[in-house]
Amino acid sequence: MSPLFLVALALALALDAFAVSVAVGVGLERLEGRSVFRLSFHIGLFHAIMPVLGWLAGSSVRRAVSSFDHWVAFGLLAVLGGKMIFDAFFGKEDRTRKDPTRGLSLLAICVATTIDAFAVGLSLAMLEAGILLPAAAIGGVSAVLTAAGLLFGRTLGAWFGRGAEAAGGAVLLAIGIRILTDHLSG
């Protein structure tokens, strides 16, 4: 696998994580280093592990998972995005916002953004390609783009407030819809 292909693959898989992290950053009341590290680390870790799991699973699991993976990603992103939009329009101004870089929200974000990485691992197994270097590259690039997305999103949130939070929720919904339509049409 050429280095250029590896970088392109890692960037392609990290773009959803970047977009989701921008949306998360928009919704954060305050961005702390721990939140940036927590989300970046976990998304990077999931992006590194999922291709390995896909590679190990091989082609037999691919058929079973591919019939519903897009619905899982869509559902998770739709719930998170819908909640952000609802909070932007109907939430209290002085509310204490729940940190989406913790708990079940963190897990949902990680799973929703890494389903494609699982599929890439399956594809690499069918091509009889190695997995360790691609998994490390995908995880590293995803972690870096997630941190950048959080910082960018928080800046947008500070500038535009609730409108940016609603837009961030809309972005999550749009990503979920894109994943769903890509899989249903392909």
N, C-alpha and C. Protein backbone atom coordinates (compact mmCIF):
# COMPACT_ATOMS: atom_id res chain seq x y z
N MET A 1 0.86 -1.17 0.00
CA MET A 1 0.00 0.00 0.00
C MET A 1 0.90 1.24 0.00
N SER A 2 0.69 2.12 -0.95
CA SER A 2 1.55 3.30 -1.07
C SER A 2 1.27 4.29 0.06
N PRO A 3 2.27 5.07 0.44
CA PRO A 3 2.06 6.08 1.48
C PRO A 3 0.98 7.10 1.12
N LEU A 4 0.90 7.47 -0.15
CA LEU A 4 -0.12 8.43 -0.58
C LEU A 4 -1.52 7.84 -0.41
N PHE A 5 -1.70 6.57 -0.79
CA PHE A 5 -2.98 5.91 -0.62
C PHE A 5 -3.34 5.80 0.86
N LEU A 6 -2.37 5.50 1.68
CA LEU A 6 -2.59 5.36 3.12
C LEU A 6 -3.05 6.67 3.73
N VAL A 7 -2.41 7.78 3.35
CA VAL A 7 -2.80 9.10 3.86
C VAL A 7 -4.20 9.46 3.37
N ALA A 8 -4.48 9.19 2.10
CA ALA A 8 -5.81 9.49 1.55
C ALA A 8 -6.89 8.68 2.26
N LEU A 9 -6.61 7.42 2.53
CA LEU A 9 -7.55 6.56 3.24
C LEU A 9 -7.80 7.08 4.65
N ALA A 10 -6.73 7.42 5.36
CA ALA A 10 -6.86 7.93 6.73
C ALA A 10 -7.65 9.24 6.76
N LEU A 11 -7.36 10.14 5.82
CA LEU A 11 -8.10 11.41 5.76
C LEU A 11 -9.57 11.19 5.44
N ALA A 12 -9.85 10.31 4.51
CA ALA A 12 -11.24 10.04 4.13
C ALA A 12 -12.04 9.51 5.32
N LEU A 13 -11.45 8.62 6.08
CA LEU A 13 -12.15 8.06 7.23
C LEU A 13 -12.24 9.05 8.39
N ALA A 14 -11.33 10.00 8.45
CA ALA A 14 -11.31 10.96 9.56
C ALA A 14 -12.25 12.15 9.33
N LEU A 15 -12.71 12.36 8.11
CA LEU A 15 -13.53 13.54 7.82
C LEU A 15 -14.86 13.55 8.56
N ASP A 16 -15.50 12.38 8.71
CA ASP A 16 -16.73 12.33 9.50
C ASP A 16 -16.44 12.69 10.95
N ALA A 17 -15.35 12.18 11.48
CA ALA A 17 -14.97 12.50 12.87
C ALA A 17 -14.70 14.00 13.02
N PHE A 18 -14.07 14.61 12.01
CA PHE A 18 -13.83 16.04 12.05
C PHE A 18 -15.15 16.80 12.08
N ALA A 19 -16.07 16.45 11.17
CA ALA A 19 -17.36 17.15 11.11
C ALA A 19 -18.15 16.98 12.40
N VAL A 20 -18.15 15.79 12.95
CA VAL A 20 -18.87 15.54 14.21
C VAL A 20 -18.22 16.32 15.34
N SER A 21 -16.90 16.38 15.38
CA SER A 21 -16.23 17.11 16.46
C SER A 21 -16.46 18.62 16.35
N VAL A 22 -16.60 19.14 15.14
CA VAL A 22 -16.97 20.55 14.98
C VAL A 22 -18.34 20.77 15.61
N ALA A 23 -19.27 19.89 15.29
CA ALA A 23 -20.63 20.00 15.85
C ALA A 23 -20.61 19.89 17.38
N VAL A 24 -19.82 18.99 17.91
CA VAL A 24 -19.72 18.84 19.36
C VAL A 24 -19.10 20.10 19.97
N GLY A 25 -18.05 20.61 19.35
CA GLY A 25 -17.39 21.82 19.85
C GLY A 25 -18.31 23.01 19.89
N VAL A 26 -19.18 23.13 18.90
CA VAL A 26 -20.16 24.22 18.85
C VAL A 26 -21.07 24.17 20.08
N GLY A 27 -21.44 22.97 20.49
CA GLY A 27 -22.39 22.81 21.58
C GLY A 27 -21.79 22.88 22.98
N LEU A 28 -20.48 22.87 23.08
CA LEU A 28 -19.86 22.90 24.40
C LEU A 28 -19.90 24.30 25.00
N GLU A 29 -20.25 24.37 26.25
CA GLU A 29 -20.28 25.65 26.94
C GLU A 29 -18.85 26.17 27.15
N ARG A 30 -17.97 25.27 27.54
CA ARG A 30 -16.56 25.59 27.75
C ARG A 30 -15.73 24.43 27.24
N LEU A 31 -14.68 24.72 26.53
CA LEU A 31 -13.82 23.67 26.01
C LEU A 31 -12.60 23.54 26.90
N GLU A 32 -12.47 22.39 27.51
CA GLU A 32 -11.33 22.12 28.39
C GLU A 32 -10.39 21.14 27.70
N GLY A 33 -9.14 21.20 28.09
CA GLY A 33 -8.14 20.29 27.53
C GLY A 33 -8.52 18.84 27.74
N ARG A 34 -9.14 18.53 28.87
CA ARG A 34 -9.54 17.15 29.14
C ARG A 34 -10.59 16.68 28.14
N SER A 35 -11.51 17.58 27.78
CA SER A 35 -12.55 17.21 26.81
C SER A 35 -11.93 16.96 25.43
N VAL A 36 -11.01 17.82 25.04
CA VAL A 36 -10.33 17.65 23.75
C VAL A 36 -9.57 16.34 23.74
N PHE A 37 -8.81 16.08 24.80
CA PHE A 37 -8.05 14.84 24.87
C PHE A 37 -8.98 13.63 24.87
N ARG A 38 -10.03 13.69 25.68
CA ARG A 38 -10.94 12.55 25.83
C ARG A 38 -11.58 12.18 24.48
N LEU A 39 -12.15 13.17 23.78
CA LEU A 39 -12.81 12.87 22.51
C LEU A 39 -11.78 12.47 21.45
N SER A 40 -10.69 13.19 21.36
CA SER A 40 -9.66 12.87 20.36
C SER A 40 -9.07 11.49 20.58
N PHE A 41 -8.76 11.18 21.83
CA PHE A 41 -8.18 9.88 22.16
C PHE A 41 -9.14 8.75 21.81
N HIS A 42 -10.39 8.89 22.23
CA HIS A 42 -11.34 7.80 22.01
C HIS A 42 -11.70 7.63 20.53
N ILE A 43 -11.89 8.73 19.83
CA ILE A 43 -12.17 8.59 18.39
C ILE A 43 -10.96 8.00 17.68
N GLY A 44 -9.76 8.45 18.02
CA GLY A 44 -8.55 7.88 17.43
C GLY A 44 -8.42 6.40 17.75
N LEU A 45 -8.70 6.03 19.00
CA LEU A 45 -8.62 4.63 19.41
C LEU A 45 -9.65 3.78 18.66
N PHE A 46 -10.88 4.24 18.59
CA PHE A 46 -11.91 3.50 17.86
C PHE A 46 -11.55 3.40 16.38
N HIS A 47 -11.01 4.50 15.81
CA HIS A 47 -10.63 4.46 14.39
C HIS A 47 -9.45 3.51 14.15
N ALA A 48 -8.65 3.26 15.15
CA ALA A 48 -7.55 2.30 15.00
C ALA A 48 -8.02 0.87 15.23
N ILE A 49 -8.95 0.69 16.16
CA ILE A 49 -9.41 -0.66 16.50
C ILE A 49 -10.40 -1.22 15.48
N MET A 50 -11.31 -0.37 15.00
CA MET A 50 -12.37 -0.88 14.11
C MET A 50 -11.84 -1.51 12.82
N PRO A 51 -10.83 -0.93 12.15
CA PRO A 51 -10.32 -1.61 10.96
C PRO A 51 -9.70 -2.97 11.30
N VAL A 52 -9.07 -3.04 12.46
CA VAL A 52 -8.47 -4.32 12.89
C VAL A 52 -9.57 -5.34 13.12
N LEU A 53 -10.65 -4.93 13.79
CA LEU A 53 -11.77 -5.84 14.02
C LEU A 53 -12.40 -6.28 12.70
N GLY A 54 -12.56 -5.33 11.77
CA GLY A 54 -13.10 -5.67 10.46
C GLY A 54 -12.18 -6.64 9.71
N TRP A 55 -10.89 -6.40 9.80
CA TRP A 55 -9.91 -7.25 9.14
C TRP A 55 -9.97 -8.66 9.72
N LEU A 56 -10.10 -8.75 11.04
CA LEU A 56 -10.17 -10.05 11.69
C LEU A 56 -11.48 -10.78 11.38
N ALA A 57 -12.54 -10.02 11.26
CA ALA A 57 -13.85 -10.62 11.03
C ALA A 57 -13.94 -11.28 9.65
N GLY A 58 -13.25 -10.69 8.67
CA GLY A 58 -13.25 -11.28 7.34
C GLY A 58 -14.57 -11.09 6.61
N SER A 59 -14.71 -11.75 5.53
CA SER A 59 -15.85 -11.51 4.64
C SER A 59 -17.17 -12.08 5.14
N SER A 60 -17.17 -13.07 5.99
CA SER A 60 -18.43 -13.67 6.43
C SER A 60 -19.26 -12.68 7.26
N VAL A 61 -18.61 -11.90 8.11
CA VAL A 61 -19.32 -10.94 8.94
C VAL A 61 -19.73 -9.73 8.11
N ARG A 62 -18.99 -9.44 7.07
CA ARG A 62 -19.28 -8.25 6.25
C ARG A 62 -20.71 -8.26 5.74
N ARG A 63 -21.13 -9.39 5.23
CA ARG A 63 -22.49 -9.49 4.69
C ARG A 63 -23.53 -9.24 5.78
N ALA A 64 -23.30 -9.79 6.96
CA ALA A 64 -24.27 -9.64 8.05
C ALA A 64 -24.32 -8.20 8.56
N VAL A 65 -23.17 -7.58 8.75
CA VAL A 65 -23.09 -6.23 9.30
C VAL A 65 -23.53 -5.18 8.28
N SER A 66 -23.21 -5.39 7.02
CA SER A 66 -23.51 -4.37 6.01
C SER A 66 -25.02 -4.17 5.82
N SER A 67 -25.83 -5.12 6.27
CA SER A 67 -27.27 -4.97 6.10
C SER A 67 -27.88 -3.97 7.08
N PHE A 68 -27.17 -3.62 8.15
CA PHE A 68 -27.75 -2.69 9.12
C PHE A 68 -26.78 -1.65 9.66
N ASP A 69 -25.51 -1.67 9.30
CA ASP A 69 -24.54 -0.73 9.88
C ASP A 69 -24.91 0.72 9.62
N HIS A 70 -25.44 1.02 8.45
CA HIS A 70 -25.82 2.38 8.10
C HIS A 70 -26.99 2.86 8.96
N TRP A 71 -27.88 1.96 9.33
CA TRP A 71 -29.01 2.34 10.20
C TRP A 71 -28.52 2.68 11.60
N VAL A 72 -27.53 1.94 12.10
CA VAL A 72 -26.96 2.22 13.43
C VAL A 72 -26.30 3.60 13.43
N ALA A 73 -25.47 3.87 12.44
CA ALA A 73 -24.79 5.17 12.37
C ALA A 73 -25.81 6.30 12.24
N PHE A 74 -26.79 6.13 11.36
CA PHE A 74 -27.83 7.14 11.19
C PHE A 74 -28.58 7.39 12.49
N GLY A 75 -29.00 6.33 13.16
CA GLY A 75 -29.76 6.47 14.40
C GLY A 75 -28.99 7.21 15.48
N LEU A 76 -27.73 6.85 15.66
CA LEU A 76 -26.91 7.51 16.68
C LEU A 76 -26.73 9.00 16.37
N LEU A 77 -26.40 9.31 15.13
CA LEU A 77 -26.18 10.71 14.75
C LEU A 77 -27.49 11.50 14.76
N ALA A 78 -28.60 10.88 14.38
CA ALA A 78 -29.89 11.56 14.39
C ALA A 78 -30.30 11.92 15.82
N VAL A 79 -30.09 11.01 16.76
CA VAL A 79 -30.44 11.29 18.16
C VAL A 79 -29.57 12.43 18.70
N LEU A 80 -28.25 12.34 18.48
CA LEU A 80 -27.35 13.40 18.97
C LEU A 80 -27.66 14.74 18.31
N GLY A 81 -27.83 14.73 16.99
CA GLY A 81 -28.12 15.97 16.27
C GLY A 81 -29.47 16.55 16.66
N GLY A 82 -30.48 15.69 16.76
CA GLY A 82 -31.80 16.15 17.17
C GLY A 82 -31.80 16.76 18.56
N LYS A 83 -31.04 16.17 19.45
CA LYS A 83 -30.94 16.72 20.81
C LYS A 83 -30.27 18.09 20.79
N MET A 84 -29.23 18.25 19.99
CA MET A 84 -28.56 19.55 19.90
C MET A 84 -29.51 20.61 19.35
N ILE A 85 -30.28 20.27 18.32
CA ILE A 85 -31.22 21.23 17.74
C ILE A 85 -32.31 21.56 18.77
N PHE A 86 -32.84 20.56 19.43
CA PHE A 86 -33.86 20.79 20.45
C PHE A 86 -33.33 21.71 21.55
N ASP A 87 -32.13 21.40 22.06
CA ASP A 87 -31.54 22.22 23.12
C ASP A 87 -31.30 23.65 22.66
N ALA A 88 -30.92 23.83 21.39
CA ALA A 88 -30.66 25.18 20.88
C ALA A 88 -31.92 26.03 20.87
N PHE A 89 -33.05 25.42 20.54
CA PHE A 89 -34.29 26.19 20.44
C PHE A 89 -35.14 26.20 21.71
N PHE A 90 -35.09 25.11 22.47
CA PHE A 90 -36.00 24.98 23.60
C PHE A 90 -35.31 24.84 24.95
N GLY A 91 -33.98 24.73 24.95
CA GLY A 91 -33.26 24.59 26.21
C GLY A 91 -33.18 25.91 26.94
N LYS A 92 -32.97 25.83 28.24
CA LYS A 92 -32.84 27.04 29.05
C LYS A 92 -31.50 27.69 28.76
N GLU A 93 -31.49 29.01 28.76
CA GLU A 93 -30.27 29.76 28.46
C GLU A 93 -29.19 29.51 29.52
N ASP A 94 -29.60 29.40 30.77
CA ASP A 94 -28.61 29.24 31.85
C ASP A 94 -28.42 27.78 32.24
N ARG A 95 -28.80 26.87 31.36
CA ARG A 95 -28.70 25.45 31.69
C ARG A 95 -27.24 25.01 31.80
N THR A 96 -27.02 23.97 32.54
CA THR A 96 -25.71 23.35 32.57
C THR A 96 -25.73 22.28 31.50
N ARG A 97 -24.93 22.45 30.50
CA ARG A 97 -24.93 21.53 29.37
C ARG A 97 -24.21 20.24 29.74
N LYS A 98 -24.77 19.16 29.26
CA LYS A 98 -24.13 17.87 29.44
C LYS A 98 -22.95 17.78 28.47
N ASP A 99 -21.85 17.31 28.94
CA ASP A 99 -20.64 17.20 28.14
C ASP A 99 -20.73 15.96 27.25
N PRO A 100 -20.83 16.13 25.91
CA PRO A 100 -20.95 14.98 25.02
C PRO A 100 -19.65 14.20 24.86
N THR A 101 -18.58 14.64 25.53
CA THR A 101 -17.33 13.89 25.45
C THR A 101 -17.21 12.90 26.61
N ARG A 102 -18.33 12.61 27.24
CA ARG A 102 -18.36 11.66 28.36
C ARG A 102 -19.48 10.65 28.16
N GLY A 103 -19.34 9.51 28.80
CA GLY A 103 -20.41 8.53 28.92
C GLY A 103 -20.94 7.98 27.60
N LEU A 104 -22.26 7.77 27.59
CA LEU A 104 -22.90 7.16 26.42
C LEU A 104 -22.82 8.03 25.18
N SER A 105 -22.82 9.35 25.35
CA SER A 105 -22.68 10.24 24.19
C SER A 105 -21.33 10.02 23.52
N LEU A 106 -20.29 9.89 24.32
CA LEU A 106 -18.95 9.63 23.78
C LEU A 106 -18.93 8.30 23.02
N LEU A 107 -19.52 7.28 23.62
CA LEU A 107 -19.56 5.97 22.97
C LEU A 107 -20.34 6.04 21.65
N ALA A 108 -21.48 6.74 21.67
CA ALA A 108 -22.30 6.86 20.45
C ALA A 108 -21.53 7.57 19.34
N ILE A 109 -20.82 8.64 19.69
CA ILE A 109 -20.03 9.37 18.71
C ILE A 109 -18.94 8.47 18.13
N CYS A 110 -18.26 7.74 18.99
CA CYS A 110 -17.17 6.87 18.54
C CYS A 110 -17.68 5.77 17.61
N VAL A 111 -18.78 5.14 17.98
CA VAL A 111 -19.32 4.07 17.15
C VAL A 111 -19.83 4.62 15.82
N ALA A 112 -20.57 5.73 15.88
CA ALA A 112 -21.16 6.28 14.66
C ALA A 112 -20.11 6.72 13.65
N THR A 113 -18.98 7.20 14.13
CA THR A 113 -17.96 7.70 13.20
C THR A 113 -16.98 6.63 12.74
N THR A 114 -17.08 5.41 13.28
CA THR A 114 -16.08 4.39 12.93
C THR A 114 -16.64 3.18 12.21
N ILE A 115 -17.91 3.18 11.91
CA ILE A 115 -18.47 2.02 11.20
C ILE A 115 -17.81 1.85 9.83
N ASP A 116 -17.52 2.95 9.16
CA ASP A 116 -16.84 2.86 7.86
C ASP A 116 -15.43 2.28 8.02
N ALA A 117 -14.77 2.58 9.14
CA ALA A 117 -13.43 2.03 9.38
C ALA A 117 -13.49 0.51 9.51
N PHE A 118 -14.55 0.00 10.11
CA PHE A 118 -14.75 -1.45 10.19
C PHE A 118 -14.85 -2.04 8.79
N ALA A 119 -15.62 -1.38 7.93
CA ALA A 119 -15.80 -1.86 6.56
C ALA A 119 -14.48 -1.82 5.79
N VAL A 120 -13.67 -0.79 6.04
CA VAL A 120 -12.36 -0.71 5.39
C VAL A 120 -11.48 -1.88 5.82
N GLY A 121 -11.54 -2.23 7.10
CA GLY A 121 -10.80 -3.39 7.59
C GLY A 121 -11.22 -4.67 6.88
N LEU A 122 -12.53 -4.83 6.68
CA LEU A 122 -13.03 -5.99 5.94
C LEU A 122 -12.47 -6.01 4.52
N SER A 123 -12.48 -4.85 3.88
CA SER A 123 -11.97 -4.75 2.51
C SER A 123 -10.49 -5.08 2.45
N LEU A 124 -9.73 -4.58 3.40
CA LEU A 124 -8.29 -4.88 3.42
C LEU A 124 -8.03 -6.36 3.62
N ALA A 125 -8.88 -7.02 4.43
CA ALA A 125 -8.73 -8.46 4.62
C ALA A 125 -8.96 -9.21 3.31
N MET A 126 -9.95 -8.78 2.54
CA MET A 126 -10.24 -9.43 1.26
C MET A 126 -9.11 -9.21 0.25
N LEU A 127 -8.44 -8.07 0.38
CA LEU A 127 -7.31 -7.78 -0.50
C LEU A 127 -6.01 -8.42 0.00
N GLU A 128 -6.12 -9.07 1.15
CA GLU A 128 -4.97 -9.69 1.81
C GLU A 128 -3.86 -8.68 2.08
N ALA A 129 -4.27 -7.48 2.44
CA ALA A 129 -3.33 -6.41 2.79
C ALA A 129 -3.07 -6.42 4.30
N GLY A 130 -1.96 -5.87 4.70
CA GLY A 130 -1.66 -5.74 6.12
C GLY A 130 -2.61 -4.75 6.78
N ILE A 131 -2.71 -4.80 8.11
CA ILE A 131 -3.66 -3.94 8.79
C ILE A 131 -3.02 -3.01 9.82
N LEU A 132 -1.87 -3.35 10.36
CA LEU A 132 -1.32 -2.56 11.47
C LEU A 132 -0.97 -1.13 11.08
N LEU A 133 -0.27 -0.94 9.99
CA LEU A 133 0.08 0.41 9.56
C LEU A 133 -1.16 1.23 9.17
N PRO A 134 -2.08 0.68 8.37
CA PRO A 134 -3.29 1.45 8.08
C PRO A 134 -4.09 1.80 9.34
N ALA A 135 -4.21 0.87 10.27
CA ALA A 135 -4.97 1.14 11.50
C ALA A 135 -4.32 2.26 12.31
N ALA A 136 -3.01 2.23 12.42
CA ALA A 136 -2.30 3.29 13.16
C ALA A 136 -2.47 4.64 12.47
N ALA A 137 -2.36 4.65 11.15
CA ALA A 137 -2.51 5.91 10.41
C ALA A 137 -3.93 6.45 10.54
N ILE A 138 -4.91 5.59 10.39
CA ILE A 138 -6.31 6.01 10.49
C ILE A 138 -6.59 6.56 11.89
N GLY A 139 -6.13 5.87 12.92
CA GLY A 139 -6.35 6.32 14.30
C GLY A 139 -5.66 7.65 14.58
N GLY A 140 -4.42 7.79 14.14
CA GLY A 140 -3.67 9.02 14.39
C GLY A 140 -4.26 10.23 13.69
N VAL A 141 -4.58 10.07 12.42
CA VAL A 141 -5.16 11.17 11.67
C VAL A 141 -6.53 11.55 12.24
N SER A 142 -7.32 10.56 12.62
CA SER A 142 -8.64 10.83 13.20
C SER A 142 -8.52 11.59 14.51
N ALA A 143 -7.57 11.23 15.36
CA ALA A 143 -7.37 11.92 16.64
C ALA A 143 -7.00 13.38 16.41
N VAL A 144 -6.09 13.63 15.48
CA VAL A 144 -5.65 15.00 15.20
C VAL A 144 -6.79 15.84 14.62
N LEU A 145 -7.52 15.29 13.66
CA LEU A 145 -8.63 16.04 13.06
C LEU A 145 -9.77 16.25 14.04
N THR A 146 -9.96 15.33 14.97
CA THR A 146 -10.99 15.50 16.00
C THR A 146 -10.64 16.68 16.90
N ALA A 147 -9.39 16.76 17.34
CA ALA A 147 -8.97 17.88 18.18
C ALA A 147 -9.13 19.20 17.44
N ALA A 148 -8.72 19.23 16.18
CA ALA A 148 -8.87 20.46 15.38
C ALA A 148 -10.34 20.82 15.21
N GLY A 149 -11.18 19.83 14.97
CA GLY A 149 -12.60 20.08 14.81
C GLY A 149 -13.25 20.63 16.08
N LEU A 150 -12.87 20.11 17.23
CA LEU A 150 -13.39 20.62 18.49
C LEU A 150 -13.02 22.09 18.69
N LEU A 151 -11.78 22.41 18.44
CA LEU A 151 -11.32 23.79 18.61
C LEU A 151 -12.03 24.73 17.64
N PHE A 152 -12.15 24.30 16.40
CA PHE A 152 -12.84 25.11 15.40
C PHE A 152 -14.32 25.27 15.77
N GLY A 153 -14.95 24.18 16.17
CA GLY A 153 -16.36 24.22 16.54
C GLY A 153 -16.62 25.11 17.74
N ARG A 154 -15.75 25.06 18.72
CA ARG A 154 -15.93 25.89 19.90
C ARG A 154 -15.81 27.37 19.53
N THR A 155 -14.91 27.70 18.63
CA THR A 155 -14.76 29.08 18.16
C THR A 155 -16.05 29.54 17.47
N LEU A 156 -16.60 28.69 16.62
CA LEU A 156 -17.87 29.02 15.96
C LEU A 156 -18.99 29.19 16.98
N GLY A 157 -19.01 28.31 17.99
CA GLY A 157 -20.03 28.39 19.03
C GLY A 157 -19.94 29.69 19.81
N ALA A 158 -18.72 30.14 20.07
CA ALA A 158 -18.54 31.40 20.81
C ALA A 158 -19.01 32.58 19.97
N TRP A 159 -18.81 32.51 18.68
CA TRP A 159 -19.21 33.61 17.79
C TRP A 159 -20.72 33.65 17.55
N PHE A 160 -21.32 32.48 17.35
CA PHE A 160 -22.70 32.44 16.89
C PHE A 160 -23.70 31.86 17.89
N GLY A 161 -23.25 31.38 19.03
CA GLY A 161 -24.13 30.92 20.10
C GLY A 161 -25.08 29.81 19.69
N ARG A 162 -26.36 29.99 20.05
CA ARG A 162 -27.36 28.94 19.83
C ARG A 162 -27.57 28.62 18.35
N GLY A 163 -27.40 29.60 17.50
CA GLY A 163 -27.53 29.32 16.06
C GLY A 163 -26.48 28.33 15.61
N ALA A 164 -25.27 28.46 16.15
CA ALA A 164 -24.21 27.52 15.80
C ALA A 164 -24.51 26.14 16.37
N GLU A 165 -25.11 26.09 17.56
CA GLU A 165 -25.46 24.80 18.15
C GLU A 165 -26.52 24.10 17.29
N ALA A 166 -27.51 24.85 16.83
CA ALA A 166 -28.53 24.28 15.95
C ALA A 166 -27.90 23.82 14.63
N ALA A 167 -26.99 24.61 14.10
CA ALA A 167 -26.31 24.24 12.86
C ALA A 167 -25.47 22.98 13.08
N GLY A 168 -24.81 22.88 14.23
CA GLY A 168 -24.04 21.68 14.55
C GLY A 168 -24.91 20.45 14.61
N GLY A 169 -26.09 20.57 15.21
CA GLY A 169 -27.03 19.45 15.23
C GLY A 169 -27.48 19.09 13.82
N ALA A 170 -27.70 20.10 12.99
CA ALA A 170 -28.10 19.85 11.60
C ALA A 170 -26.98 19.12 10.84
N VAL A 171 -25.73 19.47 11.13
CA VAL A 171 -24.59 18.80 10.50
C VAL A 171 -24.58 17.31 10.88
N LEU A 172 -24.81 17.02 12.17
CA LEU A 172 -24.85 15.62 12.59
C LEU A 172 -25.97 14.86 11.88
N LEU A 173 -27.13 15.49 11.79
CA LEU A 173 -28.24 14.86 11.06
C LEU A 173 -27.87 14.65 9.59
N ALA A 174 -27.26 15.64 8.98
CA ALA A 174 -26.87 15.53 7.57
C ALA A 174 -25.86 14.41 7.35
N ILE A 175 -24.91 14.27 8.26
CA ILE A 175 -23.93 13.18 8.14
C ILE A 175 -24.64 11.84 8.25
N GLY A 176 -25.56 11.73 9.22
CA GLY A 176 -26.32 10.50 9.37
C GLY A 176 -27.13 10.17 8.13
N ILE A 177 -27.77 11.17 7.56
CA ILE A 177 -28.57 10.97 6.34
C ILE A 177 -27.67 10.58 5.17
N ARG A 178 -26.50 11.22 5.07
CA ARG A 178 -25.57 10.89 3.99
C ARG A 178 -25.10 9.43 4.11
N ILE A 179 -24.77 9.00 5.33
CA ILE A 179 -24.36 7.61 5.53
C ILE A 179 -25.49 6.67 5.10
N LEU A 180 -26.69 6.99 5.52
CA LEU A 180 -27.85 6.15 5.19
C LEU A 180 -28.08 6.10 3.68
N THR A 181 -28.10 7.26 3.02
CA THR A 181 -28.38 7.26 1.58
C THR A 181 -27.24 6.64 0.77
N ASP A 182 -25.99 6.82 1.20
CA ASP A 182 -24.87 6.20 0.51
C ASP A 182 -25.01 4.68 0.53
N HIS A 183 -25.39 4.14 1.66
CA HIS A 183 -25.49 2.67 1.78
C HIS A 183 -26.75 2.13 1.10
N LEU A 184 -27.83 2.90 1.12
CA LEU A 184 -29.06 2.41 0.51
C LEU A 184 -29.00 2.50 -1.01
N SER A 185 -28.27 3.50 -1.53
CA SER A 185 -28.19 3.64 -2.98
C SER A 185 -27.06 2.83 -3.59
N GLY A 186 -26.11 2.42 -2.75
CA GLY A 186 -24.94 1.71 -3.28
C GLY A 186 -25.00 0.27 -3.22
